[in-house]
C-alpha atoms as a PDB file:
ATOM      1  CA  MET A   1     -88.006 -56.963  -7.752  1.00  0.00           C
ATOM      2  CA  GLU A   2     -89.553 -54.090  -9.727  1.00  0.00           C
ATOM      3  CA  PHE A   3     -92.277 -53.634  -7.134  1.00  0.00           C
ATOM      4  CA  GLU A   4     -89.584 -53.562  -4.415  1.00  0.00           C
ATOM      5  CA  ILE A   5     -87.987 -50.574  -6.151  1.00  0.00           C
ATOM      6  CA  LEU A   6     -91.350 -48.832  -6.540  1.00  0.00           C
ATOM      7  CA  TYR A   7     -92.322 -49.477  -2.911  1.00  0.00           C
ATOM      8  CA  PHE A   8     -88.936 -48.139  -1.775  1.00  0.00           C
ATOM      9  CA  LEU A   9     -89.583 -44.942  -3.746  1.00  0.00           C
ATOM     10  CA  GLN A  10     -92.981 -44.614  -2.090  1.00  0.00           C
ATOM     11  CA  GLY A  11     -91.103 -44.295   1.202  1.00  0.00           C
ATOM     12  CA  LEU A  12     -89.370 -41.142  -0.106  1.00  0.00           C
ATOM     13  CA  HIS A  13     -92.606 -39.197  -0.461  1.00  0.00           C
ATOM     14  CA  GLN A  14     -92.856 -35.827   1.243  1.00  0.00           C
ATOM     15  CA  PRO A  15     -94.942 -32.777   0.280  1.00  0.00           C
ATOM     16  CA  LEU A  16     -92.236 -30.727  -1.466  1.00  0.00           C
ATOM     17  CA  LEU A  17     -90.904 -33.671  -3.462  1.00  0.00           C
ATOM     18  CA  ASP A  18     -94.470 -34.731  -4.328  1.00  0.00           C
ATOM     19  CA  ARG A  19     -95.226 -31.306  -5.833  1.00  0.00           C
ATOM     20  CA  LEU A  20     -91.893 -31.255  -7.651  1.00  0.00           C
ATOM     21  CA  MET A  21     -92.410 -34.703  -9.200  1.00  0.00           C
ATOM     22  CA  VAL A  22     -95.976 -33.895 -10.284  1.00  0.00           C
ATOM     23  CA  GLY A  23     -94.675 -30.722 -11.946  1.00  0.00           C
ATOM     24  CA  ILE A  24     -91.765 -32.488 -13.625  1.00  0.00           C
ATOM     25  CA  THR A  25     -93.926 -35.326 -14.925  1.00  0.00           C
ATOM     26  CA  SER A  26     -96.395 -32.826 -16.404  1.00  0.00           C
ATOM     27  CA  LEU A  27     -93.646 -31.661 -18.782  1.00  0.00           C
ATOM     28  CA  GLY A  28     -93.886 -35.062 -20.460  1.00  0.00           C
ATOM     29  CA  ASN A  29     -97.698 -35.115 -20.734  1.00  0.00           C
ATOM     30  CA  GLY A  30     -98.439 -35.650 -24.404  1.00  0.00           C
ATOM     31  CA  GLY A  31     -94.864 -34.577 -25.118  1.00  0.00           C
ATOM     32  CA  TRP A  32     -96.050 -30.945 -25.030  1.00  0.00           C
ATOM     33  CA  PHE A  33     -92.817 -29.494 -23.630  1.00  0.00           C
ATOM     34  CA  TRP A  34     -90.635 -31.281 -26.173  1.00  0.00           C
ATOM     35  CA  ILE A  35     -92.989 -30.411 -29.035  1.00  0.00           C
ATOM     36  CA  ALA A  36     -92.932 -26.733 -27.997  1.00  0.00           C
ATOM     37  CA  LEU A  37     -89.135 -26.829 -27.768  1.00  0.00           C
ATOM     38  CA  THR A  38     -88.991 -28.407 -31.232  1.00  0.00           C
ATOM     39  CA  VAL A  39     -91.157 -25.617 -32.666  1.00  0.00           C
ATOM     40  CA  LEU A  40     -88.942 -23.019 -30.968  1.00  0.00           C
ATOM     41  CA  PHE A  41     -85.802 -24.647 -32.395  1.00  0.00           C
ATOM     42  CA  LEU A  42     -87.354 -24.698 -35.877  1.00  0.00           C
ATOM     43  CA  CYS A  43     -87.844 -20.921 -35.603  1.00  0.00           C
ATOM     44  CA  LEU A  44     -84.236 -20.186 -34.591  1.00  0.00           C
ATOM     45  CA  PRO A  45     -81.661 -20.369 -37.424  1.00  0.00           C
ATOM     46  CA  LYS A  46     -78.891 -21.594 -35.109  1.00  0.00           C
ATOM     47  CA  TYR A  47     -81.049 -24.524 -33.928  1.00  0.00           C
ATOM     48  CA  ARG A  48     -83.178 -25.199 -37.051  1.00  0.00           C
ATOM     49  CA  ARG A  49     -81.223 -28.292 -38.109  1.00  0.00           C
ATOM     50  CA  CYS A  50     -81.579 -29.663 -34.578  1.00  0.00           C
ATOM     51  CA  GLY A  51     -85.297 -28.824 -34.626  1.00  0.00           C
ATOM     52  CA  ILE A  52     -85.733 -30.870 -37.797  1.00  0.00           C
ATOM     53  CA  THR A  53     -83.935 -33.796 -36.162  1.00  0.00           C
ATOM     54  CA  MET A  54     -86.125 -33.440 -33.062  1.00  0.00           C
ATOM     55  CA  ALA A  55     -89.303 -33.381 -35.170  1.00  0.00           C
ATOM     56  CA  VAL A  56     -88.301 -36.554 -37.006  1.00  0.00           C
ATOM     57  CA  ALA A  57     -87.308 -38.228 -33.720  1.00  0.00           C
ATOM     58  CA  LEU A  58     -90.635 -37.322 -32.107  1.00  0.00           C
ATOM     59  CA  VAL A  59     -92.654 -38.671 -35.040  1.00  0.00           C
ATOM     60  CA  LEU A  60     -90.635 -41.914 -35.096  1.00  0.00           C
ATOM     61  CA  ASN A  61     -90.978 -42.213 -31.341  1.00  0.00           C
ATOM     62  CA  PHE A  62     -94.751 -41.718 -31.426  1.00  0.00           C
ATOM     63  CA  LEU A  63     -95.166 -44.400 -34.089  1.00  0.00           C
ATOM     64  CA  ILE A  64     -92.843 -46.923 -32.447  1.00  0.00           C
ATOM     65  CA  CYS A  65     -93.723 -46.336 -28.781  1.00  0.00           C
ATOM     66  CA  ASN A  66     -97.333 -45.229 -28.668  1.00  0.00           C
ATOM     67  CA  VAL A  67     -98.824 -46.744 -31.801  1.00  0.00           C
ATOM     68  CA  ALA A  68     -96.916 -50.041 -32.012  1.00  0.00           C
ATOM     69  CA  VAL A  69     -95.055 -51.307 -28.937  1.00  0.00           C
ATOM     70  CA  LYS A  70     -97.426 -50.170 -26.157  1.00  0.00           C
ATOM     71  CA  ASN A  71    -100.349 -51.925 -27.828  1.00  0.00           C
ATOM     72  CA  LEU A  72     -98.371 -55.041 -28.792  1.00  0.00           C
ATOM     73  CA  VAL A  73     -96.934 -55.578 -25.300  1.00  0.00           C
ATOM     74  CA  ALA A  74    -100.096 -54.401 -23.478  1.00  0.00           C
ATOM     75  CA  ARG A  75     -98.396 -54.423 -20.065  1.00  0.00           C
ATOM     76  CA  GLU A  76    -100.470 -53.407 -17.064  1.00  0.00           C
ATOM     77  CA  ARG A  77     -99.285 -50.492 -14.983  1.00  0.00           C
ATOM     78  CA  PRO A  78     -98.158 -50.951 -11.372  1.00  0.00           C
ATOM     79  CA  CYS A  79    -101.007 -48.697 -10.205  1.00  0.00           C
ATOM     80  CA  TRP A  80    -103.514 -51.010 -11.941  1.00  0.00           C
ATOM     81  CA  ILE A  81    -102.018 -54.078 -10.266  1.00  0.00           C
ATOM     82  CA  ASP A  82    -101.750 -52.497  -6.805  1.00  0.00           C
ATOM     83  CA  PRO A  83    -104.444 -49.820  -6.531  1.00  0.00           C
ATOM     84  CA  SER A  84    -103.776 -49.457  -2.787  1.00  0.00           C
ATOM     85  CA  VAL A  85    -100.995 -46.931  -3.526  1.00  0.00           C
ATOM     86  CA  GLU A  86    -102.516 -43.456  -3.573  1.00  0.00           C
ATOM     87  CA  LEU A  87    -101.592 -41.662  -6.781  1.00  0.00           C
ATOM     88  CA  LEU A  88    -100.765 -37.963  -6.978  1.00  0.00           C
ATOM     89  CA  ILE A  89    -101.832 -37.803 -10.635  1.00  0.00           C
ATOM     90  CA  PRO A  90    -104.821 -39.250 -12.513  1.00  0.00           C
ATOM     91  CA  VAL A  91    -104.582 -42.979 -13.260  1.00  0.00           C
ATOM     92  CA  PRO A  92    -103.190 -43.334 -16.810  1.00  0.00           C
ATOM     93  CA  LYS A  93    -105.478 -45.129 -19.267  1.00  0.00           C
ATOM     94  CA  ASP A  94    -102.908 -46.505 -21.739  1.00  0.00           C
ATOM     95  CA  PHE A  95    -100.540 -49.435 -21.289  1.00  0.00           C
ATOM     96  CA  SER A  96     -97.283 -49.257 -19.387  1.00  0.00           C
ATOM     97  CA  PHE A  97     -94.463 -50.507 -21.652  1.00  0.00           C
ATOM     98  CA  PRO A  98     -92.548 -48.545 -22.771  1.00  0.00           C
ATOM     99  CA  SER A  99     -92.931 -45.338 -20.820  1.00  0.00           C
ATOM    100  CA  GLY A 100     -94.162 -42.681 -23.236  1.00  0.00           C
ATOM    101  CA  HIS A 101     -92.954 -39.847 -20.992  1.00  0.00           C
ATOM    102  CA  SER A 102     -89.466 -41.382 -20.901  1.00  0.00           C
ATOM    103  CA  SER A 103     -89.313 -42.170 -24.603  1.00  0.00           C
ATOM    104  CA  VAL A 104     -90.528 -38.768 -25.836  1.00  0.00           C
ATOM    105  CA  SER A 105     -88.180 -37.013 -23.411  1.00  0.00           C
ATOM    106  CA  PHE A 106     -85.139 -39.026 -24.438  1.00  0.00           C
ATOM    107  CA  ALA A 107     -86.015 -38.829 -28.149  1.00  0.00           C
ATOM    108  CA  ALA A 108     -85.947 -35.038 -27.984  1.00  0.00           C
ATOM    109  CA  ALA A 109     -83.100 -34.704 -25.473  1.00  0.00           C
ATOM    110  CA  ALA A 110     -80.810 -37.134 -27.303  1.00  0.00           C
ATOM    111  CA  ALA A 111     -81.565 -35.350 -30.593  1.00  0.00           C
ATOM    112  CA  ILE A 112     -80.483 -32.090 -28.961  1.00  0.00           C
ATOM    113  CA  PHE A 113     -77.367 -33.753 -27.527  1.00  0.00           C
ATOM    114  CA  LEU A 114     -76.340 -35.117 -30.928  1.00  0.00           C
ATOM    115  CA  SER A 115     -76.490 -31.604 -32.382  1.00  0.00           C
ATOM    116  CA  HIS A 116     -75.534 -29.359 -29.439  1.00  0.00           C
ATOM    117  CA  LYS A 117     -73.652 -31.083 -26.603  1.00  0.00           C
ATOM    118  CA  ARG A 118     -73.995 -28.385 -23.922  1.00  0.00           C
ATOM    119  CA  GLU A 119     -77.720 -27.838 -24.445  1.00  0.00           C
ATOM    120  CA  GLY A 120     -78.129 -31.586 -24.850  1.00  0.00           C
ATOM    121  CA  ILE A 121     -76.691 -32.317 -21.422  1.00  0.00           C
ATOM    122  CA  ALA A 122     -79.271 -30.015 -19.818  1.00  0.00           C
ATOM    123  CA  ALA A 123     -82.029 -31.661 -21.871  1.00  0.00           C
ATOM    124  CA  LEU A 124     -80.840 -35.150 -20.864  1.00  0.00           C
ATOM    125  CA  VAL A 125     -80.890 -34.162 -17.177  1.00  0.00           C
ATOM    126  CA  LEU A 126     -84.493 -32.979 -17.570  1.00  0.00           C
ATOM    127  CA  ALA A 127     -85.392 -36.160 -19.478  1.00  0.00           C
ATOM    128  CA  ALA A 128     -83.898 -38.279 -16.668  1.00  0.00           C
ATOM    129  CA  LEU A 129     -85.924 -36.351 -14.069  1.00  0.00           C
ATOM    130  CA  ILE A 130     -89.108 -36.891 -16.077  1.00  0.00           C
ATOM    131  CA  ALA A 131     -88.319 -40.608 -16.373  1.00  0.00           C
ATOM    132  CA  PHE A 132     -87.636 -40.866 -12.628  1.00  0.00           C
ATOM    133  CA  SER A 133     -90.892 -39.070 -11.854  1.00  0.00           C
ATOM    134  CA  ARG A 134     -92.815 -41.901 -13.530  1.00  0.00           C
ATOM    135  CA  LEU A 135     -91.355 -44.366 -10.997  1.00  0.00           C
ATOM    136  CA  TYR A 136     -91.843 -42.012  -8.069  1.00  0.00           C
ATOM    137  CA  LEU A 137     -95.482 -41.530  -9.054  1.00  0.00           C
ATOM    138  CA  PHE A 138     -96.048 -45.332  -9.257  1.00  0.00           C
ATOM    139  CA  VAL A 139     -97.311 -45.330 -12.840  1.00  0.00           C
ATOM    140  CA  HIS A 140     -94.438 -47.261 -14.487  1.00  0.00           C
ATOM    141  CA  PHE A 141     -92.175 -50.170 -13.705  1.00  0.00           C
ATOM    142  CA  PRO A 142     -88.396 -49.598 -13.931  1.00  0.00           C
ATOM    143  CA  THR A 143     -88.231 -51.725 -17.103  1.00  0.00           C
ATOM    144  CA  ASP A 144     -90.959 -49.526 -18.668  1.00  0.00           C
ATOM    145  CA  VAL A 145     -88.787 -46.482 -18.068  1.00  0.00           C
ATOM    146  CA  LEU A 146     -85.651 -48.251 -19.319  1.00  0.00           C
ATOM    147  CA  GLY A 147     -87.545 -49.381 -22.422  1.00  0.00           C
ATOM    148  CA  GLY A 148     -88.724 -45.813 -22.972  1.00  0.00           C
ATOM    149  CA  ILE A 149     -85.220 -44.412 -22.587  1.00  0.00           C
ATOM    150  CA  LEU A 150     -83.792 -46.904 -25.089  1.00  0.00           C
ATOM    151  CA  THR A 151     -86.651 -46.344 -27.542  1.00  0.00           C
ATOM    152  CA  GLY A 152     -86.168 -42.575 -27.338  1.00  0.00           C
ATOM    153  CA  ILE A 153     -82.406 -42.774 -27.852  1.00  0.00           C
ATOM    154  CA  PHE A 154     -82.891 -45.129 -30.804  1.00  0.00           C
ATOM    155  CA  CYS A 155     -85.376 -42.723 -32.404  1.00  0.00           C
ATOM    156  CA  ALA A 156     -83.049 -39.761 -31.871  1.00  0.00           C
ATOM    157  CA  ALA A 157     -80.097 -41.602 -33.412  1.00  0.00           C
ATOM    158  CA  ALA A 158     -82.186 -42.797 -36.359  1.00  0.00           C
ATOM    159  CA  ALA A 159     -83.519 -39.272 -36.902  1.00  0.00           C
ATOM    160  CA  PHE A 160     -80.039 -37.758 -36.666  1.00  0.00           C
ATOM    161  CA  TYR A 161     -78.563 -40.097 -39.279  1.00  0.00           C
ATOM    162  CA  LEU A 162     -81.650 -39.935 -41.495  1.00  0.00           C
ATOM    163  CA  THR A 163     -81.733 -36.132 -41.582  1.00  0.00           C
ATOM    164  CA  ARG A 164     -77.978 -35.964 -42.247  1.00  0.00           C
ATOM    165  CA  ALA A 165     -78.294 -38.483 -45.097  1.00  0.00           C
ATOM    166  CA  VAL A 166     -81.125 -36.481 -46.686  1.00  0.00           C
ATOM    167  CA  GLU A 167     -79.086 -33.299 -46.277  1.00  0.00           C
ATOM    168  CA  LYS A 168     -76.028 -34.877 -47.962  1.00  0.00           C
ATOM    169  CA  LYS A 169     -78.180 -36.172 -50.821  1.00  0.00           C
ATOM    170  CA  LYS A 170     -79.605 -32.663 -51.369  1.00  0.00           C
ATOM    171  CA  GLN A 171     -76.092 -31.169 -51.342  1.00  0.00           C
ATOM    172  CA  LYS A 172     -74.900 -33.705 -53.923  1.00  0.00           C
ATOM    173  CA  LYS A 173     -77.927 -32.967 -56.107  1.00  0.00           C
ATOM    174  CA  ARG A 174     -77.247 -29.203 -55.887  1.00  0.00           C
ATOM    175  CA  GLY A 175     -73.598 -29.807 -56.781  1.00  0.00           C
ATOM    176  CA  ARG A 176     -74.602 -31.590 -60.001  1.00  0.00           C
ATOM    177  CA  GLY A 177     -77.270 -29.065 -61.019  1.00  0.00           C
END
């Protein structure tokens, strides 16, 4: 059934959409866009707390998704299984589950949403587009993307509660001192 979805998406290809999806997916390459946004947020007083949450979420996400789960599951990518589909991007070398692009995007976007709803909605829309691009480009199965989304949201929530707990502990310590 997953291949049916991917083959259906291959029927949507047209030059403008192809260029758009390649551009959107590049925002998730190595998490560069989300890392840059995190650094920017860390530099802005209004968003610094959110930037800290994003940084923690991205580190957790990297460890869980890229270091642990991808290598434990070791799932082949659709483009490895069916190389007859012409790719618009280089063939990825790492395993497929969970989608790293989806997880890093949702880790950062959900962290933003938990701190700043309006900005978070825009970030979640971008994260969803990046996740969709991975299906459109035939480099992930739908369950890879879903797994990435859930992993990212988990990491964002864990980071949010962890950073708030540390902050409360510091405040209590300051109150006693």
